[in-house]
PDB file of all heavy atoms in Angstrom:
ATOM      1  N   THR A   1       7.863  14.092   0.838  1.00  0.00           N
ATOM      2  CA  THR A   1       8.978  14.764   0.168  1.00  0.00           C
ATOM      3  C   THR A   1       9.923  13.793  -0.528  1.00  0.00           C
ATOM      4  O   THR A   1      10.531  14.131  -1.549  1.00  0.00           O
ATOM      5  CB  THR A   1       9.772  15.595   1.201  1.00  0.00           C
ATOM      6  OG1 THR A   1       8.909  16.592   1.737  1.00  0.00           O
ATOM      7  CG2 THR A   1      10.975  16.268   0.566  1.00  0.00           C
ATOM      8  N   PHE A   2      10.053  12.596  -0.006  1.00  0.00           N
ATOM      9  CA  PHE A   2      11.069  11.676  -0.514  1.00  0.00           C
ATOM     10  C   PHE A   2      10.504  10.616  -1.457  1.00  0.00           C
ATOM     11  O   PHE A   2      11.227   9.729  -1.883  1.00  0.00           O
ATOM     12  CB  PHE A   2      11.779  11.008   0.674  1.00  0.00           C
ATOM     13  CG  PHE A   2      12.393  12.011   1.611  1.00  0.00           C
ATOM     14  CD1 PHE A   2      11.741  12.391   2.770  1.00  0.00           C
ATOM     15  CD2 PHE A   2      13.599  12.620   1.310  1.00  0.00           C
ATOM     16  CE1 PHE A   2      12.279  13.333   3.628  1.00  0.00           C
ATOM     17  CE2 PHE A   2      14.166  13.559   2.154  1.00  0.00           C
ATOM     18  CZ  PHE A   2      13.500  13.923   3.310  1.00  0.00           C
ATOM     19  N   GLY A   3       9.219  10.711  -1.805  1.00  0.00           N
ATOM     20  CA  GLY A   3       8.631   9.764  -2.732  1.00  0.00           C
ATOM     21  C   GLY A   3       8.150   8.496  -2.051  1.00  0.00           C
ATOM     22  O   GLY A   3       8.082   8.413  -0.824  1.00  0.00           O
ATOM     23  N   HIS A   4       7.855   7.492  -2.861  1.00  0.00           N
ATOM     24  CA  HIS A   4       7.268   6.263  -2.329  1.00  0.00           C
ATOM     25  C   HIS A   4       7.565   5.101  -3.260  1.00  0.00           C
ATOM     26  O   HIS A   4       7.742   5.281  -4.463  1.00  0.00           O
ATOM     27  CB  HIS A   4       5.752   6.442  -2.176  1.00  0.00           C
ATOM     28  CG  HIS A   4       5.072   5.309  -1.478  1.00  0.00           C
ATOM     29  ND1 HIS A   4       5.422   4.897  -0.203  1.00  0.00           N
ATOM     30  CD2 HIS A   4       4.075   4.488  -1.871  1.00  0.00           C
ATOM     31  CE1 HIS A   4       4.653   3.883   0.148  1.00  0.00           C
ATOM     32  NE2 HIS A   4       3.833   3.613  -0.850  1.00  0.00           N
ATOM     33  N   SER A   5       7.622   3.897  -2.690  1.00  0.00           N
ATOM     34  CA  SER A   5       7.830   2.665  -3.463  1.00  0.00           C
ATOM     35  C   SER A   5       6.803   1.621  -3.049  1.00  0.00           C
ATOM     36  O   SER A   5       6.370   1.592  -1.894  1.00  0.00           O
ATOM     37  CB  SER A   5       9.241   2.099  -3.228  1.00  0.00           C
ATOM     38  OG  SER A   5      10.231   2.976  -3.690  1.00  0.00           O
ATOM     39  N   ALA A   6       6.437   0.755  -3.990  1.00  0.00           N
ATOM     40  CA  ALA A   6       5.484  -0.316  -3.695  1.00  0.00           C
ATOM     41  C   ALA A   6       5.600  -1.403  -4.758  1.00  0.00           C
ATOM     42  O   ALA A   6       6.213  -1.201  -5.815  1.00  0.00           O
ATOM     43  CB  ALA A   6       4.055   0.227  -3.645  1.00  0.00           C
ATOM     44  N   PHE A   7       5.013  -2.557  -4.481  1.00  0.00           N
ATOM     45  CA  PHE A   7       4.895  -3.636  -5.466  1.00  0.00           C
ATOM     46  C   PHE A   7       3.521  -3.546  -6.125  1.00  0.00           C
ATOM     47  O   PHE A   7       2.513  -3.262  -5.472  1.00  0.00           O
ATOM     48  CB  PHE A   7       5.011  -5.012  -4.797  1.00  0.00           C
ATOM     49  CG  PHE A   7       6.405  -5.414  -4.425  1.00  0.00           C
ATOM     50  CD1 PHE A   7       6.784  -5.464  -3.084  1.00  0.00           C
ATOM     51  CD2 PHE A   7       7.334  -5.769  -5.392  1.00  0.00           C
ATOM     52  CE1 PHE A   7       8.062  -5.856  -2.731  1.00  0.00           C
ATOM     53  CE2 PHE A   7       8.612  -6.163  -5.049  1.00  0.00           C
ATOM     54  CZ  PHE A   7       8.977  -6.210  -3.713  1.00  0.00           C
ATOM     55  N   ARG A   8       3.484  -3.833  -7.415  1.00  0.00           N
ATOM     56  CA  ARG A   8       2.210  -3.981  -8.124  1.00  0.00           C
ATOM     57  C   ARG A   8       2.118  -5.405  -8.667  1.00  0.00           C
ATOM     58  O   ARG A   8       3.075  -5.916  -9.263  1.00  0.00           O
ATOM     59  CB  ARG A   8       2.103  -2.988  -9.275  1.00  0.00           C
ATOM     60  CG  ARG A   8       0.767  -3.072 -10.041  1.00  0.00           C
ATOM     61  CD  ARG A   8       0.773  -2.166 -11.257  1.00  0.00           C
ATOM     62  NE  ARG A   8      -0.534  -2.153 -11.922  1.00  0.00           N
ATOM     63  CZ  ARG A   8      -0.787  -1.523 -13.070  1.00  0.00           C
ATOM     64  NH1 ARG A   8       0.196  -0.849 -13.687  1.00  0.00           N
ATOM     65  NH2 ARG A   8      -1.987  -1.565 -13.606  1.00  0.00           N
ATOM     66  N   PHE A   9       0.974  -6.048  -8.451  1.00  0.00           N
ATOM     67  CA  PHE A   9       0.722  -7.389  -8.998  1.00  0.00           C
ATOM     68  C   PHE A   9      -0.492  -7.309  -9.911  1.00  0.00           C
ATOM     69  O   PHE A   9      -1.577  -6.931  -9.477  1.00  0.00           O
ATOM     70  CB  PHE A   9       0.472  -8.401  -7.879  1.00  0.00           C
ATOM     71  CG  PHE A   9       0.097  -9.764  -8.387  1.00  0.00           C
ATOM     72  CD1 PHE A   9       1.027 -10.548  -9.056  1.00  0.00           C
ATOM     73  CD2 PHE A   9      -1.194 -10.254  -8.211  1.00  0.00           C
ATOM     74  CE1 PHE A   9       0.689 -11.803  -9.535  1.00  0.00           C
ATOM     75  CE2 PHE A   9      -1.539 -11.511  -8.680  1.00  0.00           C
ATOM     76  CZ  PHE A   9      -0.595 -12.281  -9.341  1.00  0.00           C
ATOM     77  N   ARG A  10      -0.284  -7.657 -11.165  1.00  0.00           N
ATOM     78  CA  ARG A  10      -1.354  -7.569 -12.157  1.00  0.00           C
ATOM     79  C   ARG A  10      -1.532  -8.930 -12.843  1.00  0.00           C
ATOM     80  O   ARG A  10      -0.579  -9.515 -13.337  1.00  0.00           O
ATOM     81  CB  ARG A  10      -1.015  -6.491 -13.192  1.00  0.00           C
ATOM     82  CG  ARG A  10      -2.129  -6.156 -14.161  1.00  0.00           C
ATOM     83  CD  ARG A  10      -1.790  -4.889 -14.932  1.00  0.00           C
ATOM     84  NE  ARG A  10      -2.833  -4.570 -15.903  1.00  0.00           N
ATOM     85  CZ  ARG A  10      -2.793  -4.940 -17.174  1.00  0.00           C
ATOM     86  NH1 ARG A  10      -1.740  -5.629 -17.632  1.00  0.00           N
ATOM     87  NH2 ARG A  10      -3.777  -4.633 -18.002  1.00  0.00           N
ATOM     88  N   ASP A  11      -2.764  -9.386 -12.833  1.00  0.00           N
ATOM     89  CA  ASP A  11      -3.106 -10.664 -13.480  1.00  0.00           C
ATOM     90  C   ASP A  11      -4.381 -10.438 -14.289  1.00  0.00           C
ATOM     91  O   ASP A  11      -5.505 -10.617 -13.783  1.00  0.00           O
ATOM     92  CB  ASP A  11      -3.319 -11.746 -12.417  1.00  0.00           C
ATOM     93  CG  ASP A  11      -3.282 -13.151 -13.014  1.00  0.00           C
ATOM     94  OD1 ASP A  11      -3.433 -13.272 -14.248  1.00  0.00           O
ATOM     95  OD2 ASP A  11      -3.107 -14.116 -12.255  1.00  0.00           O
ATOM     96  N   PRO A  12      -4.250 -10.011 -15.554  1.00  0.00           N
ATOM     97  CA  PRO A  12      -5.422  -9.618 -16.358  1.00  0.00           C
ATOM     98  C   PRO A  12      -6.459 -10.726 -16.505  1.00  0.00           C
ATOM     99  O   PRO A  12      -7.659 -10.456 -16.530  1.00  0.00           O
ATOM    100  CB  PRO A  12      -4.811  -9.250 -17.718  1.00  0.00           C
ATOM    101  CG  PRO A  12      -3.379  -8.950 -17.431  1.00  0.00           C
ATOM    102  CD  PRO A  12      -2.998  -9.851 -16.299  1.00  0.00           C
ATOM    103  N   SER A  13      -6.017 -11.974 -16.630  1.00  0.00           N
ATOM    104  CA  SER A  13      -6.967 -13.070 -16.847  1.00  0.00           C
ATOM    105  C   SER A  13      -7.894 -13.272 -15.657  1.00  0.00           C
ATOM    106  O   SER A  13      -8.970 -13.856 -15.797  1.00  0.00           O
ATOM    107  CB  SER A  13      -6.208 -14.369 -17.150  1.00  0.00           C
ATOM    108  OG  SER A  13      -5.471 -14.794 -16.017  1.00  0.00           O
ATOM    109  N   ARG A  14      -7.494 -12.794 -14.500  1.00  0.00           N
ATOM    110  CA  ARG A  14      -8.307 -12.945 -13.296  1.00  0.00           C
ATOM    111  C   ARG A  14      -8.841 -11.613 -12.768  1.00  0.00           C
ATOM    112  O   ARG A  14      -9.402 -11.548 -11.685  1.00  0.00           O
ATOM    113  CB  ARG A  14      -7.499 -13.653 -12.207  1.00  0.00           C
ATOM    114  CG  ARG A  14      -7.074 -15.048 -12.651  1.00  0.00           C
ATOM    115  CD  ARG A  14      -6.402 -15.815 -11.561  1.00  0.00           C
ATOM    116  NE  ARG A  14      -6.067 -17.165 -12.027  1.00  0.00           N
ATOM    117  CZ  ARG A  14      -5.474 -18.087 -11.290  1.00  0.00           C
ATOM    118  NH1 ARG A  14      -5.148 -17.813 -10.047  1.00  0.00           N
ATOM    119  NH2 ARG A  14      -5.208 -19.287 -11.776  1.00  0.00           N
ATOM    120  N   GLY A  15      -8.621 -10.564 -13.542  1.00  0.00           N
ATOM    121  CA  GLY A  15      -9.130  -9.260 -13.135  1.00  0.00           C
ATOM    122  C   GLY A  15      -8.481  -8.718 -11.883  1.00  0.00           C
ATOM    123  O   GLY A  15      -9.096  -7.953 -11.130  1.00  0.00           O
ATOM    124  N   ILE A  16      -7.220  -9.100 -11.644  1.00  0.00           N
ATOM    125  CA  ILE A  16      -6.504  -8.669 -10.440  1.00  0.00           C
ATOM    126  C   ILE A  16      -5.530  -7.541 -10.786  1.00  0.00           C
ATOM    127  O   ILE A  16      -4.759  -7.643 -11.746  1.00  0.00           O
ATOM    128  CB  ILE A  16      -5.735  -9.853  -9.804  1.00  0.00           C
ATOM    129  CG1 ILE A  16      -6.712 -10.885  -9.253  1.00  0.00           C
ATOM    130  CG2 ILE A  16      -4.796  -9.358  -8.709  1.00  0.00           C
ATOM    131  CD1 ILE A  16      -6.049 -12.137  -8.726  1.00  0.00           C
ATOM    132  N   ASP A  17      -5.551  -6.486 -10.018  1.00  0.00           N
ATOM    133  CA  ASP A  17      -4.589  -5.388 -10.142  1.00  0.00           C
ATOM    134  C   ASP A  17      -4.425  -4.780  -8.754  1.00  0.00           C
ATOM    135  O   ASP A  17      -5.169  -3.888  -8.352  1.00  0.00           O
ATOM    136  CB  ASP A  17      -5.079  -4.350 -11.144  1.00  0.00           C
ATOM    137  CG  ASP A  17      -3.969  -3.398 -11.586  1.00  0.00           C
ATOM    138  OD1 ASP A  17      -2.849  -3.513 -11.052  1.00  0.00           O
ATOM    139  OD2 ASP A  17      -4.230  -2.540 -12.457  1.00  0.00           O
ATOM    140  N   TRP A  18      -3.424  -5.273  -8.028  1.00  0.00           N
ATOM    141  CA  TRP A  18      -3.244  -4.917  -6.631  1.00  0.00           C
ATOM    142  C   TRP A  18      -1.919  -4.203  -6.413  1.00  0.00           C
ATOM    143  O   TRP A  18      -0.943  -4.397  -7.147  1.00  0.00           O
ATOM    144  CB  TRP A  18      -3.248  -6.168  -5.738  1.00  0.00           C
ATOM    145  CG  TRP A  18      -4.560  -6.879  -5.650  1.00  0.00           C
ATOM    146  CD1 TRP A  18      -5.801  -6.337  -5.794  1.00  0.00           C
ATOM    147  CD2 TRP A  18      -4.745  -8.278  -5.408  1.00  0.00           C
ATOM    148  NE1 TRP A  18      -6.768  -7.308  -5.637  1.00  0.00           N
ATOM    149  CE2 TRP A  18      -6.146  -8.511  -5.396  1.00  0.00           C
ATOM    150  CE3 TRP A  18      -3.896  -9.351  -5.174  1.00  0.00           C
ATOM    151  CZ2 TRP A  18      -6.698  -9.764  -5.179  1.00  0.00           C
ATOM    152  CZ3 TRP A  18      -4.433 -10.611  -4.963  1.00  0.00           C
ATOM    153  CH2 TRP A  18      -5.823 -10.807  -4.960  1.00  0.00           C
ATOM    154  N   VAL A  19      -1.890  -3.417  -5.354  1.00  0.00           N
ATOM    155  CA  VAL A  19      -0.647  -2.803  -4.876  1.00  0.00           C
ATOM    156  C   VAL A  19      -0.376  -3.307  -3.472  1.00  0.00           C
ATOM    157  O   VAL A  19      -1.267  -3.269  -2.611  1.00  0.00           O
ATOM    158  CB  VAL A  19      -0.744  -1.271  -4.882  1.00  0.00           C
ATOM    159  CG1 VAL A  19       0.431  -0.652  -4.119  1.00  0.00           C
ATOM    160  CG2 VAL A  19      -0.752  -0.742  -6.305  1.00  0.00           C
ATOM    161  N   TYR A  20       0.841  -3.786  -3.253  1.00  0.00           N
ATOM    162  CA  TYR A  20       1.296  -4.173  -1.910  1.00  0.00           C
ATOM    163  C   TYR A  20       2.176  -3.032  -1.407  1.00  0.00           C
ATOM    164  O   TYR A  20       3.250  -2.769  -1.953  1.00  0.00           O
ATOM    165  CB  TYR A  20       2.071  -5.489  -1.960  1.00  0.00           C
ATOM    166  CG  TYR A  20       1.210  -6.684  -2.292  1.00  0.00           C
ATOM    167  CD1 TYR A  20       1.012  -7.072  -3.613  1.00  0.00           C
ATOM    168  CD2 TYR A  20       0.592  -7.425  -1.285  1.00  0.00           C
ATOM    169  CE1 TYR A  20       0.221  -8.179  -3.925  1.00  0.00           C
ATOM    170  CE2 TYR A  20      -0.205  -8.529  -1.587  1.00  0.00           C
ATOM    171  CZ  TYR A  20      -0.386  -8.896  -2.909  1.00  0.00           C
ATOM    172  OH  TYR A  20      -1.179  -9.987  -3.203  1.00  0.00           O
ATOM    173  N   ASN A  21       1.720  -2.376  -0.363  1.00  0.00           N
ATOM    174  CA  ASN A  21       2.282  -1.095   0.073  1.00  0.00           C
ATOM    175  C   ASN A  21       2.776  -1.208   1.517  1.00  0.00           C
ATOM    176  O   ASN A  21       1.980  -1.384   2.439  1.00  0.00           O
ATOM    177  CB  ASN A  21       1.195  -0.027  -0.061  1.00  0.00           C
ATOM    178  CG  ASN A  21       1.649   1.345   0.389  1.00  0.00           C
ATOM    179  OD1 ASN A  21       2.813   1.563   0.708  1.00  0.00           O
ATOM    180  ND2 ASN A  21       0.718   2.280   0.429  1.00  0.00           N
ATOM    181  N   TYR A  22       4.092  -1.076   1.708  1.00  0.00           N
ATOM    182  CA  TYR A  22       4.681  -1.157   3.047  1.00  0.00           C
ATOM    183  C   TYR A  22       4.714   0.193   3.764  1.00  0.00           C
ATOM    184  O   TYR A  22       5.294   0.288   4.845  1.00  0.00           O
ATOM    185  CB  TYR A  22       6.105  -1.703   2.957  1.00  0.00           C
ATOM    186  CG  TYR A  22       6.184  -3.213   2.855  1.00  0.00           C
ATOM    187  CD1 TYR A  22       6.298  -3.840   1.615  1.00  0.00           C
ATOM    188  CD2 TYR A  22       6.146  -4.005   3.991  1.00  0.00           C
ATOM    189  CE1 TYR A  22       6.372  -5.220   1.514  1.00  0.00           C
ATOM    190  CE2 TYR A  22       6.225  -5.389   3.905  1.00  0.00           C
ATOM    191  CZ  TYR A  22       6.333  -5.992   2.663  1.00  0.00           C
ATOM    192  OH  TYR A  22       6.407  -7.363   2.574  1.00  0.00           O
ATOM    193  N   GLY A  23       4.080   1.198   3.196  1.00  0.00           N
ATOM    194  CA  GLY A  23       4.167   2.533   3.792  1.00  0.00           C
ATOM    195  C   GLY A  23       2.897   2.991   4.469  1.00  0.00           C
ATOM    196  O   GLY A  23       2.616   4.193   4.487  1.00  0.00           O
ATOM    197  N   THR A  24       2.115   2.096   5.032  1.00  0.00           N
ATOM    198  CA  THR A  24       0.850   2.492   5.649  1.00  0.00           C
ATOM    199  C   THR A  24       0.928   2.430   7.176  1.00  0.00           C
ATOM    200  O   THR A  24       1.653   1.611   7.737  1.00  0.00           O
ATOM    201  CB  THR A  24      -0.301   1.582   5.167  1.00  0.00           C
ATOM    202  OG1 THR A  24       0.043   0.217   5.398  1.00  0.00           O
ATOM    203  CG2 THR A  24      -0.556   1.786   3.692  1.00  0.00           C
ATOM    204  N   PHE A  25       0.162   3.305   7.806  1.00  0.00           N
ATOM    205  CA  PHE A  25       0.050   3.308   9.262  1.00  0.00           C
ATOM    206  C   PHE A  25      -1.339   3.808   9.632  1.00  0.00           C
ATOM    207  O   PHE A  25      -2.056   4.376   8.798  1.00  0.00           O
ATOM    208  CB  PHE A  25       1.141   4.159   9.920  1.00  0.00           C
ATOM    209  CG  PHE A  25       1.253   5.554   9.361  1.00  0.00           C
ATOM    210  CD1 PHE A  25       0.450   6.578   9.836  1.00  0.00           C
ATOM    211  CD2 PHE A  25       2.170   5.844   8.364  1.00  0.00           C
ATOM    212  CE1 PHE A  25       0.546   7.861   9.329  1.00  0.00           C
ATOM    213  CE2 PHE A  25       2.279   7.123   7.846  1.00  0.00           C
ATOM    214  CZ  PHE A  25       1.464   8.135   8.330  1.00  0.00           C
ATOM    215  N   ASP A  26      -1.704   3.614  10.869  1.00  0.00           N
ATOM    216  CA  ASP A  26      -3.056   3.898  11.331  1.00  0.00           C
ATOM    217  C   ASP A  26      -3.087   5.203  12.129  1.00  0.00           C
ATOM    218  O   ASP A  26      -2.538   5.269  13.233  1.00  0.00           O
ATOM    219  CB  ASP A  26      -3.566   2.735  12.193  1.00  0.00           C
ATOM    220  CG  ASP A  26      -5.010   2.932  12.637  1.00  0.00           C
ATOM    221  OD1 ASP A  26      -5.650   3.891  12.166  1.00  0.00           O
ATOM    222  OD2 ASP A  26      -5.485   2.122  13.445  1.00  0.00           O
ATOM    223  N   PHE A  27      -3.720   6.238  11.570  1.00  0.00           N
ATOM    224  CA  PHE A  27      -3.845   7.513  12.275  1.00  0.00           C
ATOM    225  C   PHE A  27      -4.666   7.374  13.555  1.00  0.00           C
ATOM    226  O   PHE A  27      -4.535   8.182  14.477  1.00  0.00           O
ATOM    227  CB  PHE A  27      -4.508   8.561  11.377  1.00  0.00           C
ATOM    228  CG  PHE A  27      -3.547   9.248  10.450  1.00  0.00           C
ATOM    229  CD1 PHE A  27      -3.579   9.004   9.088  1.00  0.00           C
ATOM    230  CD2 PHE A  27      -2.616  10.147  10.939  1.00  0.00           C
ATOM    231  CE1 PHE A  27      -2.697   9.642   8.231  1.00  0.00           C
ATOM    232  CE2 PHE A  27      -1.728  10.789  10.090  1.00  0.00           C
ATOM    233  CZ  PHE A  27      -1.770  10.539   8.735  1.00  0.00           C
ATOM    234  N   ASP A  28      -5.515   6.361  13.609  1.00  0.00           N
ATOM    235  CA  ASP A  28      -6.390   6.177  14.770  1.00  0.00           C
ATOM    236  C   ASP A  28      -5.770   5.289  15.848  1.00  0.00           C
ATOM    237  O   ASP A  28      -6.437   4.953  16.835  1.00  0.00           O
ATOM    238  CB  ASP A  28      -7.729   5.571  14.330  1.00  0.00           C
ATOM    239  CG  ASP A  28      -8.491   6.498  13.391  1.00  0.00           C
ATOM    240  OD1 ASP A  28      -8.428   7.721  13.614  1.00  0.00           O
ATOM    241  OD2 ASP A  28      -9.135   6.000  12.458  1.00  0.00           O
ATOM    242  N   ALA A  29      -4.503   4.905  15.659  1.00  0.00           N
ATOM    243  CA  ALA A  29      -3.843   4.073  16.667  1.00  0.00           C
ATOM    244  C   ALA A  29      -3.754   4.819  17.993  1.00  0.00           C
ATOM    245  O   ALA A  29      -3.569   6.048  18.017  1.00  0.00           O
ATOM    246  CB  ALA A  29      -2.441   3.689  16.192  1.00  0.00           C
ATOM    247  N   PRO A  30      -3.913   4.133  19.123  1.00  0.00           N
ATOM    248  CA  PRO A  30      -3.812   4.794  20.436  1.00  0.00           C
ATOM    249  C   PRO A  30      -2.469   5.498  20.608  1.00  0.00           C
ATOM    250  O   PRO A  30      -1.423   4.958  20.230  1.00  0.00           O
ATOM    251  CB  PRO A  30      -3.960   3.628  21.424  1.00  0.00           C
ATOM    252  CG  PRO A  30      -4.655   2.550  20.656  1.00  0.00           C
ATOM    253  CD  PRO A  30      -4.188   2.687  19.237  1.00  0.00           C
ATOM    254  N   ASN A  31      -2.505   6.714  21.141  1.00  0.00           N
ATOM    255  CA  ASN A  31      -1.283   7.501  21.381  1.00  0.00           C
ATOM    256  C   ASN A  31      -0.459   7.665  20.101  1.00  0.00           C
ATOM    257  O   ASN A  31       0.763   7.525  20.109  1.00  0.00           O
ATOM    258  CB  ASN A  31      -0.434   6.857  22.479  1.00  0.00           C
ATOM    259  CG  ASN A  31      -1.186   6.719  23.775  1.00  0.00           C
ATOM    260  OD1 ASN A  31      -1.844   7.642  24.232  1.00  0.00           O
ATOM    261  ND2 ASN A  31      -1.118   5.535  24.375  1.00  0.00           N
ATOM    262  N   PHE A  32      -1.146   7.962  19.000  1.00  0.00           N
ATOM    263  CA  PHE A  32      -0.492   8.022  17.687  1.00  0.00           C
ATOM    264  C   PHE A  32       0.709   8.968  17.704  1.00  0.00           C
ATOM    265  O   PHE A  32       1.814   8.597  17.317  1.00  0.00           O
ATOM    266  CB  PHE A  32      -1.504   8.467  16.624  1.00  0.00           C
ATOM    267  CG  PHE A  32      -0.893   8.716  15.274  1.00  0.00           C
ATOM    268  CD1 PHE A  32      -0.678   7.677  14.387  1.00  0.00           C
ATOM    269  CD2 PHE A  32      -0.499  10.002  14.896  1.00  0.00           C
ATOM    270  CE1 PHE A  32      -0.099   7.913  13.150  1.00  0.00           C
ATOM    271  CE2 PHE A  32       0.077  10.237  13.659  1.00  0.00           C
ATOM    272  CZ  PHE A  32       0.269   9.183  12.782  1.00  0.00           C
ATOM    273  N   TYR A  33       0.509  10.215  18.139  1.00  0.00           N
ATOM    274  CA  TYR A  33       1.578  11.207  18.056  1.00  0.00           C
ATOM    275  C   TYR A  33       2.723  10.899  19.017  1.00  0.00           C
ATOM    276  O   TYR A  33       3.897  11.147  18.697  1.00  0.00           O
ATOM    277  CB  TYR A  33       1.006  12.608  18.306  1.00  0.00           C
ATOM    278  CG  TYR A  33       0.131  13.086  17.175  1.00  0.00           C
ATOM    279  CD1 TYR A  33      -1.254  13.084  17.295  1.00  0.00           C
ATOM    280  CD2 TYR A  33       0.690  13.496  15.974  1.00  0.00           C
ATOM    281  CE1 TYR A  33      -2.071  13.506  16.250  1.00  0.00           C
ATOM    282  CE2 TYR A  33      -0.120  13.910  14.920  1.00  0.00           C
ATOM    283  CZ  TYR A  33      -1.494  13.909  15.066  1.00  0.00           C
ATOM    284  OH  TYR A  33      -2.284  14.319  14.027  1.00  0.00           O
TER     285      TYR A  33
END
């Protein structure tokens, strides 16, 4: 609902186009809920 923010790093000469995303978590983590 509140949107999302991330960093994008793009280096065309090296074929790099990455996103660094601080909003990830593991659904399979023990005792997730």
